[in-house]
Each structure stands twice: as C-alpha cells, then as structure tokens.
Amino acid sequence: MNAIYPSQERHDGRFGARLRRLRLQQSMTQAEVAELAGISLRTYRNWESGKAVPYPGWRRRRVVEILRTDVDFLLLGVRKDSDAFD
C-alpha cells in the first residue's frame, strides 16, 4: 500500500501543520525526516502539506519517534498527559 494516499483514520485536518511545527522544533529539514523515517521526500511533503496522512504502521511510528511526539497529538492535537487540545 502506498503511504501517500489519505488515511481513513480520524484526524482534525491540522496534521500537516503540527508535523511541520514539530519538525522545525527539532531543527530538521523535510529531507532529513523523510530519510530517517524511510520514506520518500515526496511522501513526507504530501503529509506536511496536508494532501495525505500516513496510514497506521511503522512509517508513522518512526516519524512520531523522530519528532518526539505521540500519535494522538499528531493526528488530533491532543496530548496524552492532558485533555487540552492544541
């Protein structure tokens, strides 16, 4: 399955903006995150631009690890340790 197609999983539409903000907080380029995550730069750019979100699986888990966040925050803006939304 190709990782650039939109996932049917629930997200709030701001996934790409949070992904970008987290990447910049880590002082990383899109190419660096893509390489570390084992995905193409095009796929990563599609995620960050909001054209697609990653399917559940190792690619998404790897991005979460690289950006030091969690899936709930990335998809929904909710921190696990808080009920607050971003």
Protein backbone atom coordinates (compact mmCIF):
# COMPACT_ATOMS: atom_id res chain seq x y z
CA MET A 1 0.00 0.00 0.00
CA ASN A 2 1.36 3.42 -0.91
CA ALA A 3 1.87 5.76 2.04
CA ILE A 4 0.90 8.94 0.19
CA TYR A 5 -2.82 8.25 -0.05
CA PRO A 6 -5.04 9.77 2.60
CA SER A 7 -5.82 7.55 5.54
CA GLN A 8 -9.42 6.95 6.52
CA GLU A 9 -8.36 7.30 10.14
CA ARG A 10 -9.77 10.21 12.09
CA HIS A 11 -7.74 13.39 12.21
CA ASP A 12 -8.63 17.05 12.68
CA GLY A 13 -7.23 18.46 9.42
CA ARG A 14 -4.26 20.17 11.06
CA PHE A 15 -1.97 17.15 10.94
CA GLY A 16 0.35 18.76 8.38
CA ALA A 17 0.71 21.99 10.34
CA ARG A 18 1.61 20.11 13.52
CA LEU A 19 4.02 17.89 11.60
CA ARG A 20 5.78 20.98 10.22
CA ARG A 21 5.93 22.69 13.61
CA LEU A 22 7.37 19.60 15.30
CA ARG A 23 9.96 19.19 12.54
CA LEU A 24 11.06 22.82 12.87
CA GLN A 25 11.28 22.46 16.66
CA GLN A 26 13.78 19.65 16.05
CA SER A 27 15.69 21.90 13.58
CA MET A 28 15.32 19.30 10.85
CA THR A 29 14.62 19.54 7.14
CA GLN A 30 11.87 17.65 5.38
CA ALA A 31 14.55 15.57 3.65
CA GLU A 32 16.15 14.62 6.97
CA VAL A 33 12.87 13.44 8.49
CA ALA A 34 11.97 11.54 5.33
CA GLU A 35 15.34 9.79 5.19
CA LEU A 36 15.28 8.82 8.86
CA ALA A 37 11.69 7.58 8.51
CA GLY A 38 12.47 5.52 5.43
CA ILE A 39 10.00 7.33 3.19
CA SER A 40 10.37 9.42 0.06
CA LEU A 41 10.66 13.18 0.29
CA ARG A 42 7.53 13.43 -1.86
CA THR A 43 5.56 11.33 0.60
CA TYR A 44 6.74 13.42 3.54
CA ARG A 45 5.91 16.66 1.71
CA ASN A 46 2.42 15.35 0.98
CA TRP A 47 1.94 14.65 4.67
CA GLU A 48 3.21 18.06 5.74
CA SER A 49 1.17 19.91 3.11
CA GLY A 50 -1.97 18.11 4.26
CA LYS A 51 -2.50 16.33 0.94
CA ALA A 52 -2.25 12.99 2.73
CA VAL A 53 -1.82 11.49 6.17
CA PRO A 54 0.16 8.34 6.87
CA TYR A 55 -1.51 5.00 7.28
CA PRO A 56 -1.07 3.42 10.69
CA GLY A 57 2.13 1.42 10.76
CA TRP A 58 5.86 1.57 11.11
CA ARG A 59 6.33 4.70 8.96
CA ARG A 60 4.05 6.76 11.14
CA ARG A 61 5.54 5.29 14.32
CA ARG A 62 9.00 6.18 13.06
CA VAL A 63 8.01 9.82 12.36
CA VAL A 64 6.47 10.04 15.84
CA GLU A 65 9.76 8.79 17.33
CA ILE A 66 11.89 11.14 15.22
CA LEU A 67 9.80 14.17 16.16
CA ARG A 68 9.48 13.13 19.81
CA THR A 69 5.73 13.28 19.97
CA ASP A 70 2.78 10.87 20.07
CA VAL A 71 0.18 9.81 17.53
CA ASP A 72 -2.74 11.40 19.41
CA PHE A 73 -1.08 14.80 19.27
CA LEU A 74 -0.02 14.45 15.67
CA LEU A 75 -3.47 13.42 14.39
CA LEU A 76 -5.83 15.16 16.80
CA GLY A 77 -3.84 17.81 18.67
CA VAL A 78 -4.44 16.07 21.99
CA ARG A 79 -1.57 15.38 24.35
CA LYS A 80 -1.79 12.04 26.18
CA ASP A 81 -0.94 13.65 29.51
CA SER A 82 -3.59 16.34 29.08
CA ASP A 83 -7.17 16.86 27.99
CA ALA A 84 -6.16 20.12 26.34
CA PHE A 85 -6.26 20.49 22.59
CA ASP A 86 -3.57 22.25 20.59
